Amino acid sequence: MATLLMPIIWTTLFIGICYGIINPILRSKEFNSKDWIENIDSRYRMTNDLKENVLIGKNKIEVLKILGKNDGECGYKTSPNTICYLIPDPENIGALDHYELVILFNEFGKVIKVTSEMI
């Protein structure tokens, strides 16, 4: 019984490690403002760096300078304290599924939260 189950267990474990750990690391890219503005398909790979290292604590003017003009209204979270940017995944085959980078500001106009949401 163990002889039959071990290949299945090891294969499942290997796929889980590749999909959950290695793939996100390989697909990540360091944030570059020029590339973000000029190449919308590169945005998805820069999102992690942007969320973790670049925007927290910045004001709206700084965010707009770094990311360029925003792409319009958010999917369902429109508010004066929110800016959204489209971040399409170029490898996603679902034409209707796309992600948005949602930047939330506090009452003093500083970034307090950055998330990416599928809408």
Protein backbone atom coordinates (compact mmCIF):
# COMPACT_ATOMS: atom_id res chain seq x y z
CA MET A 1 0.00 0.00 0.00
CA ALA A 2 2.81 2.40 0.91
CA THR A 3 4.50 1.63 -2.41
CA LEU A 4 1.43 2.85 -4.27
CA LEU A 5 0.79 5.94 -2.16
CA MET A 6 4.32 7.34 -1.92
CA PRO A 7 4.61 8.47 -5.59
CA ILE A 8 1.24 10.21 -5.30
CA ILE A 9 2.21 11.92 -2.04
CA TRP A 10 5.62 13.05 -3.35
CA THR A 11 4.13 14.32 -6.61
CA THR A 12 1.46 16.27 -4.75
CA LEU A 13 4.05 17.74 -2.39
CA PHE A 14 6.34 18.73 -5.28
CA ILE A 15 3.51 20.42 -7.19
CA GLY A 16 2.45 22.28 -4.04
CA ILE A 17 5.97 23.57 -3.42
CA CYS A 18 6.38 24.66 -7.05
CA TYR A 19 3.01 26.38 -7.26
CA GLY A 20 2.93 27.92 -3.79
CA ILE A 21 6.54 28.95 -3.22
CA ILE A 22 8.72 28.86 -6.32
CA ASN A 23 6.27 30.24 -8.92
CA PRO A 24 5.50 33.51 -7.07
CA ILE A 25 9.22 34.14 -6.54
CA LEU A 26 10.06 33.58 -10.21
CA ARG A 27 7.17 35.74 -11.37
CA SER A 28 8.04 38.65 -9.07
CA LYS A 29 9.89 41.67 -10.38
CA GLU A 30 11.40 44.68 -8.65
CA PHE A 31 9.27 47.81 -9.01
CA ASN A 32 10.27 50.25 -11.77
CA SER A 33 8.15 53.38 -12.18
CA LYS A 34 8.88 53.85 -15.89
CA ASP A 35 8.03 50.23 -16.70
CA TRP A 36 4.85 50.43 -14.58
CA ILE A 37 3.59 53.46 -16.52
CA GLU A 38 4.63 52.37 -20.02
CA ASN A 39 3.95 48.62 -19.93
CA ILE A 40 0.67 47.61 -18.32
CA ASP A 41 1.48 43.90 -18.72
CA SER A 42 4.51 44.23 -16.43
CA ARG A 43 2.46 45.58 -13.51
CA TYR A 44 1.33 42.20 -12.18
CA ARG A 45 4.90 41.07 -11.52
CA MET A 46 5.81 44.29 -9.69
CA THR A 47 2.82 44.26 -7.35
CA ASN A 48 4.47 42.47 -4.42
CA ASP A 49 7.45 44.84 -4.32
CA LEU A 50 5.12 47.80 -4.66
CA LYS A 51 2.87 46.67 -1.80
CA GLU A 52 5.72 45.79 0.56
CA ASN A 53 8.40 48.39 -0.11
CA VAL A 54 7.28 51.42 -2.08
CA LEU A 55 3.94 53.00 -1.20
CA ILE A 56 3.24 52.78 2.53
CA GLY A 57 3.42 56.25 4.13
CA LYS A 58 3.42 58.18 0.84
CA ASN A 59 0.83 60.88 0.10
CA LYS A 60 -1.45 61.03 -2.97
CA ILE A 61 0.83 63.37 -4.91
CA GLU A 62 3.81 61.07 -4.37
CA VAL A 63 1.77 58.01 -5.38
CA LEU A 64 0.59 59.69 -8.59
CA LYS A 65 4.16 60.73 -9.36
CA ILE A 66 5.43 57.16 -8.85
CA LEU A 67 2.56 55.29 -10.56
CA GLY A 68 1.24 57.85 -13.03
CA LYS A 69 -2.40 58.77 -13.59
CA ASN A 70 -4.76 56.21 -12.10
CA ASP A 71 -6.93 54.04 -14.32
CA GLY A 72 -10.27 55.38 -13.15
CA GLU A 73 -12.70 54.08 -10.60
CA CYS A 74 -12.23 50.95 -8.56
CA GLY A 75 -14.41 47.94 -9.23
CA TYR A 76 -16.69 48.26 -6.22
CA LYS A 77 -14.78 50.23 -3.61
CA THR A 78 -15.02 53.77 -4.91
CA SER A 79 -14.21 56.41 -2.31
CA PRO A 80 -12.27 59.67 -2.14
CA ASN A 81 -9.61 57.85 -0.07
CA THR A 82 -8.95 55.17 -2.68
CA ILE A 83 -6.93 55.03 -5.89
CA CYS A 84 -6.94 51.98 -8.17
CA TYR A 85 -4.74 50.71 -10.97
CA LEU A 86 -5.37 47.82 -13.32
CA ILE A 87 -2.84 45.01 -12.93
CA PRO A 88 -3.68 42.39 -15.54
CA ASP A 89 -1.93 39.04 -15.34
CA PRO A 90 -0.58 38.44 -18.87
CA GLU A 91 -0.61 34.67 -18.26
CA ASN A 92 -4.25 34.60 -17.16
CA ILE A 93 -6.41 33.02 -19.84
CA GLY A 94 -9.67 34.34 -18.38
CA ALA A 95 -10.47 37.48 -20.35
CA LEU A 96 -13.00 38.72 -17.82
CA ASP A 97 -10.87 38.19 -14.72
CA HIS A 98 -8.49 40.97 -13.85
CA TYR A 99 -6.82 42.41 -10.78
CA GLU A 100 -6.74 45.89 -9.39
CA LEU A 101 -4.15 47.44 -7.13
CA VAL A 102 -6.19 49.24 -4.47
CA ILE A 103 -4.42 51.98 -2.51
CA LEU A 104 -6.19 53.21 0.63
CA PHE A 105 -5.33 56.54 2.25
CA ASN A 106 -6.04 57.65 5.82
CA GLU A 107 -7.66 60.95 6.82
CA PHE A 108 -4.24 62.69 6.58
CA GLY A 109 -3.76 61.57 2.96
CA LYS A 110 -1.06 58.95 3.67
CA VAL A 111 -1.12 55.41 2.27
CA ILE A 112 -2.14 52.97 4.99
CA LYS A 113 -2.97 49.87 2.97
CA VAL A 114 -2.15 48.46 -0.46
CA THR A 115 -3.91 45.34 -1.73
CA SER A 116 -4.49 43.58 -5.00
CA GLU A 117 -7.97 42.26 -5.58
CA MET A 118 -9.53 40.24 -8.37
CA ILE A 119 -12.76 41.71 -9.67
